[in-house]
Amino acid sequence: MIAITQNAEKIIRSQAKSGEGLRIKVVAGGCAAYMYELGFSKPLEGDSIIQQGAALVIVDKDSISFLKGSVVDYRSGLQNNGFVVRNPNVKRSCSCGHSVA
């Protein structure tokens, strides 16, 4: 379904409050059609929950089909730090890197 790298697992565990996980939602918008909305929250009824160790990734029922086979990672660098979704279903992305189709 969705894989979580060890690096992402470590960051999720360190940043999420008790009972929370990293929520990934696919929303309409951006220059290529869709964007990922990421944040920490508690699961809601109907959500899919992916657990690796003590880390949770939460996906709502409308977004799960867009994310099948994806890998959630955490990238850190001099200019960019943050979660990255490597999604095999993406046909194209925009030049700014925030929008996918």
PDB file of N, CA and C in Angstrom:
ATOM      1  N   MET A   1       0.838  -1.189   0.000  1.00  0.00           N
ATOM      2  CA  MET A   1       0.000   0.000   0.000  1.00  0.00           C
ATOM      3  C   MET A   1       0.881   1.251   0.000  1.00  0.00           C
ATOM      4  N   ILE A   2       1.341   1.708   1.155  1.00  0.00           N
ATOM      5  CA  ILE A   2       2.233   2.858   1.280  1.00  0.00           C
ATOM      6  C   ILE A   2       3.371   2.456   2.209  1.00  0.00           C
ATOM      7  N   ALA A   3       4.601   2.719   1.786  1.00  0.00           N
ATOM      8  CA  ALA A   3       5.767   2.389   2.598  1.00  0.00           C
ATOM      9  C   ALA A   3       6.296   3.653   3.275  1.00  0.00           C
ATOM     10  N   ILE A   4       6.918   3.466   4.418  1.00  0.00           N
ATOM     11  CA  ILE A   4       7.510   4.564   5.187  1.00  0.00           C
ATOM     12  C   ILE A   4       8.990   4.247   5.361  1.00  0.00           C
ATOM     13  N   THR A   5       9.868   5.139   4.914  1.00  0.00           N
ATOM     14  CA  THR A   5      11.301   4.890   5.105  1.00  0.00           C
ATOM     15  C   THR A   5      11.652   5.029   6.580  1.00  0.00           C
ATOM     16  N   GLN A   6      12.798   4.475   6.960  1.00  0.00           N
ATOM     17  CA  GLN A   6      13.246   4.586   8.351  1.00  0.00           C
ATOM     18  C   GLN A   6      13.473   6.039   8.744  1.00  0.00           C
ATOM     19  N   ASN A   7      13.975   6.847   7.827  1.00  0.00           N
ATOM     20  CA  ASN A   7      14.203   8.254   8.114  1.00  0.00           C
ATOM     21  C   ASN A   7      12.873   8.974   8.389  1.00  0.00           C
ATOM     22  N   ALA A   8      11.867   8.717   7.566  1.00  0.00           N
ATOM     23  CA  ALA A   8      10.548   9.326   7.778  1.00  0.00           C
ATOM     24  C   ALA A   8       9.931   8.827   9.075  1.00  0.00           C
ATOM     25  N   GLU A   9      10.079   7.539   9.348  1.00  0.00           N
ATOM     26  CA  GLU A   9       9.545   6.971  10.590  1.00  0.00           C
ATOM     27  C   GLU A   9      10.121   7.690  11.806  1.00  0.00           C
ATOM     28  N   LYS A  10      11.415   7.924  11.790  1.00  0.00           N
ATOM     29  CA  LYS A  10      12.082   8.596  12.909  1.00  0.00           C
ATOM     30  C   LYS A  10      11.540  10.019  13.103  1.00  0.00           C
ATOM     31  N   ILE A  11      11.362  10.756  12.026  1.00  0.00           N
ATOM     32  CA  ILE A  11      10.863  12.136  12.115  1.00  0.00           C
ATOM     33  C   ILE A  11       9.405  12.154  12.562  1.00  0.00           C
ATOM     34  N   ILE A  12       8.590  11.257  12.033  1.00  0.00           N
ATOM     35  CA  ILE A  12       7.180  11.188  12.447  1.00  0.00           C
ATOM     36  C   ILE A  12       7.088  10.920  13.942  1.00  0.00           C
ATOM     37  N   ARG A  13       7.853   9.938  14.417  1.00  0.00           N
ATOM     38  CA  ARG A  13       7.838   9.615  15.856  1.00  0.00           C
ATOM     39  C   ARG A  13       8.258  10.808  16.702  1.00  0.00           C
ATOM     40  N   SER A  14       9.239  11.552  16.249  1.00  0.00           N
ATOM     41  CA  SER A  14       9.749  12.665  17.059  1.00  0.00           C
ATOM     42  C   SER A  14       8.844  13.897  17.020  1.00  0.00           C
ATOM     43  N   GLN A  15       8.040  14.064  15.965  1.00  0.00           N
ATOM     44  CA  GLN A  15       7.231  15.273  15.830  1.00  0.00           C
ATOM     45  C   GLN A  15       5.754  15.096  16.162  1.00  0.00           C
ATOM     46  N   ALA A  16       5.248  13.886  16.053  1.00  0.00           N
ATOM     47  CA  ALA A  16       3.820  13.649  16.297  1.00  0.00           C
ATOM     48  C   ALA A  16       3.536  13.596  17.793  1.00  0.00           C
ATOM     49  N   LYS A  17       2.411  14.172  18.177  1.00  0.00           N
ATOM     50  CA  LYS A  17       1.956  14.069  19.564  1.00  0.00           C
ATOM     51  C   LYS A  17       1.306  12.702  19.755  1.00  0.00           C
ATOM     52  N   SER A  18       1.014  12.361  20.973  1.00  0.00           N
ATOM     53  CA  SER A  18       0.426  11.070  21.301  1.00  0.00           C
ATOM     54  C   SER A  18      -0.851  10.826  20.496  1.00  0.00           C
ATOM     55  N   GLY A  19      -0.924   9.683  19.824  1.00  0.00           N
ATOM     56  CA  GLY A  19      -2.107   9.309  19.055  1.00  0.00           C
ATOM     57  C   GLY A  19      -2.172   9.931  17.672  1.00  0.00           C
ATOM     58  N   GLU A  20      -1.194  10.746  17.326  1.00  0.00           N
ATOM     59  CA  GLU A  20      -1.195  11.404  16.022  1.00  0.00           C
ATOM     60  C   GLU A  20      -0.303  10.673  15.031  1.00  0.00           C
ATOM     61  N   GLY A  21      -0.506  10.997  13.760  1.00  0.00           N
ATOM     62  CA  GLY A  21       0.343  10.497  12.694  1.00  0.00           C
ATOM     63  C   GLY A  21       0.463  11.563  11.628  1.00  0.00           C
ATOM     64  N   LEU A  22       1.263  11.274  10.631  1.00  0.00           N
ATOM     65  CA  LEU A  22       1.425  12.177   9.492  1.00  0.00           C
ATOM     66  C   LEU A  22       0.257  11.947   8.552  1.00  0.00           C
ATOM     67  N   ARG A  23      -0.599  12.952   8.386  1.00  0.00           N
ATOM     68  CA  ARG A  23      -1.736  12.862   7.475  1.00  0.00           C
ATOM     69  C   ARG A  23      -1.307  13.345   6.097  1.00  0.00           C
ATOM     70  N   ILE A  24      -1.570  12.521   5.082  1.00  0.00           N
ATOM     71  CA  ILE A  24      -1.305  12.896   3.694  1.00  0.00           C
ATOM     72  C   ILE A  24      -2.637  12.925   2.971  1.00  0.00           C
ATOM     73  N   LYS A  25      -2.923  14.063   2.371  1.00  0.00           N
ATOM     74  CA  LYS A  25      -4.170  14.234   1.638  1.00  0.00           C
ATOM     75  C   LYS A  25      -3.840  14.756   0.246  1.00  0.00           C
ATOM     76  N   VAL A  26      -4.499  14.220  -0.768  1.00  0.00           N
ATOM     77  CA  VAL A  26      -4.346  14.700  -2.134  1.00  0.00           C
ATOM     78  C   VAL A  26      -5.498  15.664  -2.387  1.00  0.00           C
ATOM     79  N   VAL A  27      -5.159  16.907  -2.746  1.00  0.00           N
ATOM     80  CA  VAL A  27      -6.174  17.935  -2.968  1.00  0.00           C
ATOM     81  C   VAL A  27      -6.014  18.520  -4.367  1.00  0.00           C
ATOM     82  N   ALA A  28      -7.110  18.985  -4.935  1.00  0.00           N
ATOM     83  CA  ALA A  28      -7.069  19.650  -6.238  1.00  0.00           C
ATOM     84  C   ALA A  28      -6.345  20.978  -6.087  1.00  0.00           C
ATOM     85  N   GLY A  29      -5.509  21.284  -7.070  1.00  0.00           N
ATOM     86  CA  GLY A  29      -4.816  22.563  -7.063  1.00  0.00           C
ATOM     87  C   GLY A  29      -3.418  22.449  -7.612  1.00  0.00           C
ATOM     88  N   GLY A  30      -2.761  23.560  -7.654  1.00  0.00           N
ATOM     89  CA  GLY A  30      -1.408  23.605  -8.180  1.00  0.00           C
ATOM     90  C   GLY A  30      -1.411  23.676  -9.693  1.00  0.00           C
ATOM     91  N   CYS A  31      -0.258  23.780 -10.261  1.00  0.00           N
ATOM     92  CA  CYS A  31      -0.152  23.954 -11.715  1.00  0.00           C
ATOM     93  C   CYS A  31      -0.239  22.642 -12.493  1.00  0.00           C
ATOM     94  N   ALA A  32      -0.190  21.490 -11.833  1.00  0.00           N
ATOM     95  CA  ALA A  32      -0.266  20.215 -12.546  1.00  0.00           C
ATOM     96  C   ALA A  32      -1.549  19.440 -12.245  1.00  0.00           C
ATOM     97  N   ALA A  33      -2.423  19.910 -11.404  1.00  0.00           N
ATOM     98  CA  ALA A  33      -3.743  19.336 -11.114  1.00  0.00           C
ATOM     99  C   ALA A  33      -3.968  18.995  -9.650  1.00  0.00           C
ATOM    100  N   TYR A  34      -2.992  18.360  -8.988  1.00  0.00           N
ATOM    101  CA  TYR A  34      -3.161  17.959  -7.596  1.00  0.00           C
ATOM    102  C   TYR A  34      -1.938  18.352  -6.772  1.00  0.00           C
ATOM    103  N   MET A  35      -2.169  18.463  -5.471  1.00  0.00           N
ATOM    104  CA  MET A  35      -1.084  18.756  -4.537  1.00  0.00           C
ATOM    105  C   MET A  35      -1.240  17.856  -3.324  1.00  0.00           C
ATOM    106  N   TYR A  36      -0.131  17.619  -2.627  1.00  0.00           N
ATOM    107  CA  TYR A  36      -0.174  16.894  -1.364  1.00  0.00           C
ATOM    108  C   TYR A  36      -0.322  17.900  -0.236  1.00  0.00           C
ATOM    109  N   GLU A  37      -1.209  17.585   0.675  1.00  0.00           N
ATOM    110  CA  GLU A  37      -1.376  18.377   1.901  1.00  0.00           C
ATOM    111  C   GLU A  37      -0.910  17.478   3.037  1.00  0.00           C
ATOM    112  N   LEU A  38       0.098  17.921   3.775  1.00  0.00           N
ATOM    113  CA  LEU A  38       0.661  17.109   4.845  1.00  0.00           C
ATOM    114  C   LEU A  38       0.590  17.850   6.170  1.00  0.00           C
ATOM    115  N   GLY A  39       0.309  17.120   7.222  1.00  0.00           N
ATOM    116  CA  GLY A  39       0.276  17.686   8.565  1.00  0.00           C
ATOM    117  C   GLY A  39       0.044  16.571   9.575  1.00  0.00           C
ATOM    118  N   PHE A  40       0.174  16.898  10.820  1.00  0.00           N
ATOM    119  CA  PHE A  40      -0.026  15.907  11.875  1.00  0.00           C
ATOM    120  C   PHE A  40      -1.444  16.012  12.422  1.00  0.00           C
ATOM    121  N   SER A  41      -2.086  14.863  12.609  1.00  0.00           N
ATOM    122  CA  SER A  41      -3.424  14.832  13.189  1.00  0.00           C
ATOM    123  C   SER A  41      -3.717  13.429  13.697  1.00  0.00           C
ATOM    124  N   LYS A  42      -4.828  13.311  14.381  1.00  0.00           N
ATOM    125  CA  LYS A  42      -5.297  11.996  14.843  1.00  0.00           C
ATOM    126  C   LYS A  42      -6.165  11.382  13.747  1.00  0.00           C
ATOM    127  N   PRO A  43      -6.231  10.067  13.684  1.00  0.00           N
ATOM    128  CA  PRO A  43      -7.067   9.407  12.679  1.00  0.00           C
ATOM    129  C   PRO A  43      -8.546   9.728  12.901  1.00  0.00           C
ATOM    130  N   LEU A  44      -9.269   9.788  11.786  1.00  0.00           N
ATOM    131  CA  LEU A  44     -10.718   9.974  11.801  1.00  0.00           C
ATOM    132  C   LEU A  44     -11.374   8.711  11.259  1.00  0.00           C
ATOM    133  N   GLU A  45     -12.639   8.559  11.517  1.00  0.00           N
ATOM    134  CA  GLU A  45     -13.368   7.397  11.021  1.00  0.00           C
ATOM    135  C   GLU A  45     -13.273   7.344   9.499  1.00  0.00           C
ATOM    136  N   GLY A  46     -12.977   6.169   8.970  1.00  0.00           N
ATOM    137  CA  GLY A  46     -12.872   5.980   7.531  1.00  0.00           C
ATOM    138  C   GLY A  46     -11.464   6.156   6.980  1.00  0.00           C
ATOM    139  N   ASP A  47     -10.530   6.632   7.791  1.00  0.00           N
ATOM    140  CA  ASP A  47      -9.151   6.810   7.347  1.00  0.00           C
ATOM    141  C   ASP A  47      -8.444   5.463   7.218  1.00  0.00           C
ATOM    142  N   SER A  48      -7.480   5.406   6.305  1.00  0.00           N
ATOM    143  CA  SER A  48      -6.559   4.270   6.239  1.00  0.00           C
ATOM    144  C   SER A  48      -5.351   4.626   7.084  1.00  0.00           C
ATOM    145  N   ILE A  49      -4.888   3.680   7.879  1.00  0.00           N
ATOM    146  CA  ILE A  49      -3.761   3.918   8.767  1.00  0.00           C
ATOM    147  C   ILE A  49      -2.650   2.942   8.414  1.00  0.00           C
ATOM    148  N   ILE A  50      -1.489   3.489   8.102  1.00  0.00           N
ATOM    149  CA  ILE A  50      -0.317   2.689   7.814  1.00  0.00           C
ATOM    150  C   ILE A  50       0.618   2.869   9.001  1.00  0.00           C
ATOM    151  N   GLN A  51       1.009   1.779   9.629  1.00  0.00           N
ATOM    152  CA  GLN A  51       1.867   1.862  10.807  1.00  0.00           C
ATOM    153  C   GLN A  51       3.169   1.130  10.554  1.00  0.00           C
ATOM    154  N   GLN A  52       4.255   1.808  10.907  1.00  0.00           N
ATOM    155  CA  GLN A  52       5.574   1.193  10.877  1.00  0.00           C
ATOM    156  C   GLN A  52       6.244   1.539  12.188  1.00  0.00           C
ATOM    157  N   GLY A  53       6.487   0.539  13.001  1.00  0.00           N
ATOM    158  CA  GLY A  53       7.002   0.799  14.343  1.00  0.00           C
ATOM    159  C   GLY A  53       5.976   1.635  15.091  1.00  0.00           C
ATOM    160  N   ALA A  54       6.411   2.736  15.657  1.00  0.00           N
ATOM    161  CA  ALA A  54       5.507   3.632  16.380  1.00  0.00           C
ATOM    162  C   ALA A  54       5.016   4.783  15.504  1.00  0.00           C
ATOM    163  N   ALA A  55       5.383   4.789  14.217  1.00  0.00           N
ATOM    164  CA  ALA A  55       4.999   5.879  13.318  1.00  0.00           C
ATOM    165  C   ALA A  55       3.731   5.528  12.546  1.00  0.00           C
ATOM    166  N   LEU A  56       2.819   6.500  12.450  1.00  0.00           N
ATOM    167  CA  LEU A  56       1.583   6.333  11.697  1.00  0.00           C
ATOM    168  C   LEU A  56       1.557   7.291  10.515  1.00  0.00           C
ATOM    169  N   VAL A  57       1.079   6.793   9.370  1.00  0.00           N
ATOM    170  CA  VAL A  57       0.721   7.642   8.244  1.00  0.00           C
ATOM    171  C   VAL A  57      -0.774   7.444   8.054  1.00  0.00           C
ATOM    172  N   ILE A  58      -1.493   8.552   7.959  1.00  0.00           N
ATOM    173  CA  ILE A  58      -2.955   8.538   7.881  1.00  0.00           C
ATOM    174  C   ILE A  58      -3.372   9.092   6.525  1.00  0.00           C
ATOM    175  N   VAL A  59      -4.260   8.365   5.837  1.00  0.00           N
ATOM    176  CA  VAL A  59      -4.727   8.789   4.521  1.00  0.00           C
ATOM    177  C   VAL A  59      -6.247   8.686   4.505  1.00  0.00           C
ATOM    178  N   ASP A  60      -6.916   9.751   4.059  1.00  0.00           N
ATOM    179  CA  ASP A  60      -8.378   9.726   3.984  1.00  0.00           C
ATOM    180  C   ASP A  60      -8.828   8.860   2.811  1.00  0.00           C
ATOM    181  N   LYS A  61     -10.098   8.455   2.841  1.00  0.00           N
ATOM    182  CA  LYS A  61     -10.610   7.501   1.853  1.00  0.00           C
ATOM    183  C   LYS A  61     -10.575   8.038   0.428  1.00  0.00           C
ATOM    184  N   ASP A  62     -10.647   9.351   0.253  1.00  0.00           N
ATOM    185  CA  ASP A  62     -10.624   9.921  -1.094  1.00  0.00           C
ATOM    186  C   ASP A  62      -9.219   9.975  -1.683  1.00  0.00           C
ATOM    187  N   SER A  63      -8.205   9.948  -0.854  1.00  0.00           N
ATOM    188  CA  SER A  63      -6.817  10.078  -1.323  1.00  0.00           C
ATOM    189  C   SER A  63      -6.097   8.752  -1.486  1.00  0.00           C
ATOM    190  N   ILE A  64      -6.593   7.694  -0.870  1.00  0.00           N
ATOM    191  CA  ILE A  64      -5.854   6.436  -0.824  1.00  0.00           C
ATOM    192  C   ILE A  64      -5.569   5.873  -2.215  1.00  0.00           C
ATOM    193  N   SER A  65      -6.508   5.991  -3.148  1.00  0.00           N
ATOM    194  CA  SER A  65      -6.278   5.429  -4.485  1.00  0.00           C
ATOM    195  C   SER A  65      -5.165   6.172  -5.230  1.00  0.00           C
ATOM    196  N   PHE A  66      -4.980   7.463  -4.958  1.00  0.00           N
ATOM    197  CA  PHE A  66      -3.907   8.246  -5.578  1.00  0.00           C
ATOM    198  C   PHE A  66      -2.530   7.848  -5.042  1.00  0.00           C
ATOM    199  N   LEU A  67      -2.481   7.298  -3.835  1.00  0.00           N
ATOM    200  CA  LEU A  67      -1.216   7.078  -3.136  1.00  0.00           C
ATOM    201  C   LEU A  67      -0.751   5.628  -3.106  1.00  0.00           C
ATOM    202  N   LYS A  68      -1.504   4.706  -3.687  1.00  0.00           N
ATOM    203  CA  LYS A  68      -1.123   3.288  -3.651  1.00  0.00           C
ATOM    204  C   LYS A  68       0.257   3.097  -4.255  1.00  0.00           C
ATOM    205  N   GLY A  69       1.103   2.377  -3.525  1.00  0.00           N
ATOM    206  CA  GLY A  69       2.448   2.091  -3.982  1.00  0.00           C
ATOM    207  C   GLY A  69       3.457   3.197  -3.681  1.00  0.00           C
ATOM    208  N   SER A  70       3.029   4.255  -3.008  1.00  0.00           N
ATOM    209  CA  SER A  70       3.915   5.380  -2.707  1.00  0.00           C
ATOM    210  C   SER A  70       4.868   5.065  -1.563  1.00  0.00           C
ATOM    211  N   VAL A  71       5.948   5.838  -1.503  1.00  0.00           N
ATOM    212  CA  VAL A  71       6.921   5.754  -0.423  1.00  0.00           C
ATOM    213  C   VAL A  71       7.014   7.134   0.214  1.00  0.00           C
ATOM    214  N   VAL A  72       6.850   7.186   1.535  1.00  0.00           N
ATOM    215  CA  VAL A  72       6.984   8.434   2.277  1.00  0.00           C
ATOM    216  C   VAL A  72       8.394   8.478   2.850  1.00  0.00           C
ATOM    217  N   ASP A  73       9.098   9.552   2.528  1.00  0.00           N
ATOM    218  CA  ASP A  73      10.477   9.713   2.988  1.00  0.00           C
ATOM    219  C   ASP A  73      10.613  11.099   3.609  1.00  0.00           C
ATOM    220  N   TYR A  74      11.726  11.332   4.281  1.00  0.00           N
ATOM    221  CA  TYR A  74      12.044  12.655   4.822  1.00  0.00           C
ATOM    222  C   TYR A  74      13.401  13.049   4.276  1.00  0.00           C
ATOM    223  N   ARG A  75      13.437  14.198   3.610  1.00  0.00           N
ATOM    224  CA  ARG A  75      14.668  14.692   3.016  1.00  0.00           C
ATOM    225  C   ARG A  75      15.175  15.875   3.830  1.00  0.00           C
ATOM    226  N   SER A  76      16.454  15.881   4.103  1.00  0.00           N
ATOM    227  CA  SER A  76      17.046  17.035   4.771  1.00  0.00           C
ATOM    228  C   SER A  76      18.256  17.482   3.970  1.00  0.00           C
ATOM    229  N   GLY A  77      18.388  18.778   3.846  1.00  0.00           N
ATOM    230  CA  GLY A  77      19.495  19.339   3.091  1.00  0.00           C
ATOM    231  C   GLY A  77      19.720  20.776   3.502  1.00  0.00           C
ATOM    232  N   LEU A  78      20.605  21.425   2.825  1.00  0.00           N
ATOM    233  CA  LEU A  78      20.920  22.808   3.170  1.00  0.00           C
ATOM    234  C   LEU A  78      19.740  23.744   2.945  1.00  0.00           C
ATOM    235  N   GLN A  79      18.960  23.507   1.881  1.00  0.00           N
ATOM    236  CA  GLN A  79      17.864  24.417   1.566  1.00  0.00           C
ATOM    237  C   GLN A  79      16.479  23.810   1.732  1.00  0.00           C
ATOM    238  N   ASN A  80      16.385  22.507   1.651  1.00  0.00           N
ATOM    239  CA  ASN A  80      15.070  21.868   1.704  1.00  0.00           C
ATOM    240  C   ASN A  80      15.035  20.771   2.743  1.00  0.00           C
ATOM    241  N   ASN A  81      14.135  20.900   3.700  1.00  0.00           N
ATOM    242  CA  ASN A  81      13.862  19.856   4.675  1.00  0.00           C
ATOM    243  C   ASN A  81      12.378  19.565   4.604  1.00  0.00           C
ATOM    244  N   GLY A  82      12.014  18.303   4.629  1.00  0.00           N
ATOM    245  CA  GLY A  82      10.599  17.993   4.678  1.00  0.00           C
ATOM    246  C   GLY A  82      10.285  16.607   4.164  1.00  0.00           C
ATOM    247  N   PHE A  83       9.036  16.247   4.344  1.00  0.00           N
ATOM    248  CA  PHE A  83       8.558  14.953   3.881  1.00  0.00           C
ATOM    249  C   PHE A  83       8.412  14.980   2.368  1.00  0.00           C
ATOM    250  N   VAL A  84       8.716  13.847   1.752  1.00  0.00           N
ATOM    251  CA  VAL A  84       8.627  13.689   0.305  1.00  0.00           C
ATOM    252  C   VAL A  84       7.793  12.448   0.035  1.00  0.00           C
ATOM    253  N   VAL A  85       6.866  12.551  -0.907  1.00  0.00           N
ATOM    254  CA  VAL A  85       6.063  11.405  -1.321  1.00  0.00           C
ATOM    255  C   VAL A  85       6.542  10.988  -2.709  1.00  0.00           C
ATOM    256  N   ARG A  86       7.126   9.802  -2.789  1.00  0.00           N
ATOM    257  CA  ARG A  86       7.525   9.254  -4.088  1.00  0.00           C
ATOM    258  C   ARG A  86       6.373   8.364  -4.554  1.00  0.00           C
ATOM    259  N   ASN A  87       5.645   8.872  -5.536  1.00  0.00           N
ATOM    260  CA  ASN A  87       4.394   8.258  -5.958  1.00  0.00           C
ATOM    261  C   ASN A  87       4.533   7.697  -7.375  1.00  0.00           C
ATOM    262  N   PRO A  88       4.433   6.366  -7.546  1.00  0.00           N
ATOM    263  CA  PRO A  88       4.574   5.772  -8.876  1.00  0.00           C
ATOM    264  C   PRO A  88       3.394   6.067  -9.805  1.00  0.00           C
ATOM    265  N   ASN A  89       2.303   6.605  -9.264  1.00  0.00           N
ATOM    266  CA  ASN A  89       1.118   6.902 -10.065  1.00  0.00           C
ATOM    267  C   ASN A  89       1.183   8.264 -10.740  1.00  0.00           C
ATOM    268  N   VAL A  90       2.166   9.077 -10.394  1.00  0.00           N
ATOM    269  CA  VAL A  90       2.277  10.426 -10.950  1.00  0.00           C
ATOM    270  C   VAL A  90       2.695  10.339 -12.416  1.00  0.00           C
ATOM    271  N   LYS A  91       1.934  10.998 -13.270  1.00  0.00           N
ATOM    272  CA  LYS A  91       2.233  11.016 -14.702  1.00  0.00           C
ATOM    273  C   LYS A  91       3.162  12.189 -15.041  1.00  0.00           C
ATOM    274  N   ARG A  92       3.008  13.299 -14.327  1.00  0.00           N
ATOM    275  CA  ARG A  92       3.879  14.453 -14.539  1.00  0.00           C
ATOM    276  C   ARG A  92       3.809  15.330 -13.305  1.00  0.00           C
ATOM    277  N   SER A  93       4.808  16.178 -13.144  1.00  0.00           N
ATOM    278  CA  SER A  93       4.819  17.139 -12.047  1.00  0.00           C
ATOM    279  C   SER A  93       5.215  18.496 -12.590  1.00  0.00           C
ATOM    280  N   CYS A  94       4.981  19.523 -11.814  1.00  0.00           N
ATOM    281  CA  CYS A  94       5.300  20.875 -12.249  1.00  0.00           C
ATOM    282  C   CYS A  94       6.757  21.195 -11.941  1.00  0.00           C
ATOM    283  N   SER A  95       7.227  22.275 -12.482  1.00  0.00           N
ATOM    284  CA  SER A  95       8.629  22.647 -12.271  1.00  0.00           C
ATOM    285  C   SER A  95       8.909  23.104 -10.842  1.00  0.00           C
ATOM    286  N   CYS A  96       7.871  23.581 -10.123  1.00  0.00           N
ATOM    287  CA  CYS A  96       8.094  24.022  -8.743  1.00  0.00           C
ATOM    288  C   CYS A  96       8.174  22.846  -7.778  1.00  0.00           C
ATOM    289  N   GLY A  97       7.730  21.654  -8.221  1.00  0.00           N
ATOM    290  CA  GLY A  97       7.828  20.456  -7.404  1.00  0.00           C
ATOM    291  C   GLY A  97       6.744  20.282  -6.366  1.00  0.00           C
ATOM    292  N   HIS A  98       5.697  21.110  -6.407  1.00  0.00           N
ATOM    293  CA  HIS A  98       4.634  21.022  -5.405  1.00  0.00           C
ATOM    294  C   HIS A  98       3.330  20.469  -5.949  1.00  0.00           C
ATOM    295  N   SER A  99       3.276  20.217  -7.230  1.00  0.00           N
ATOM    296  CA  SER A  99       2.030  19.789  -7.846  1.00  0.00           C
ATOM    297  C   SER A  99       2.289  18.589  -8.740  1.00  0.00           C
ATOM    298  N   VAL A 100       1.313  17.667  -8.779  1.00  0.00           N
ATOM    299  CA  VAL A 100       1.433  16.438  -9.563  1.00  0.00           C
ATOM    300  C   VAL A 100       0.151  16.180 -10.344  1.00  0.00           C
ATOM    301  N   ALA A 101       0.259  15.347 -11.362  1.00  0.00           N
ATOM    302  CA  ALA A 101      -0.928  14.947 -12.132  1.00  0.00           C
ATOM    303  C   ALA A 101      -0.892  13.443 -12.340  1.00  0.00           C
TER     304      ALA A 101
END
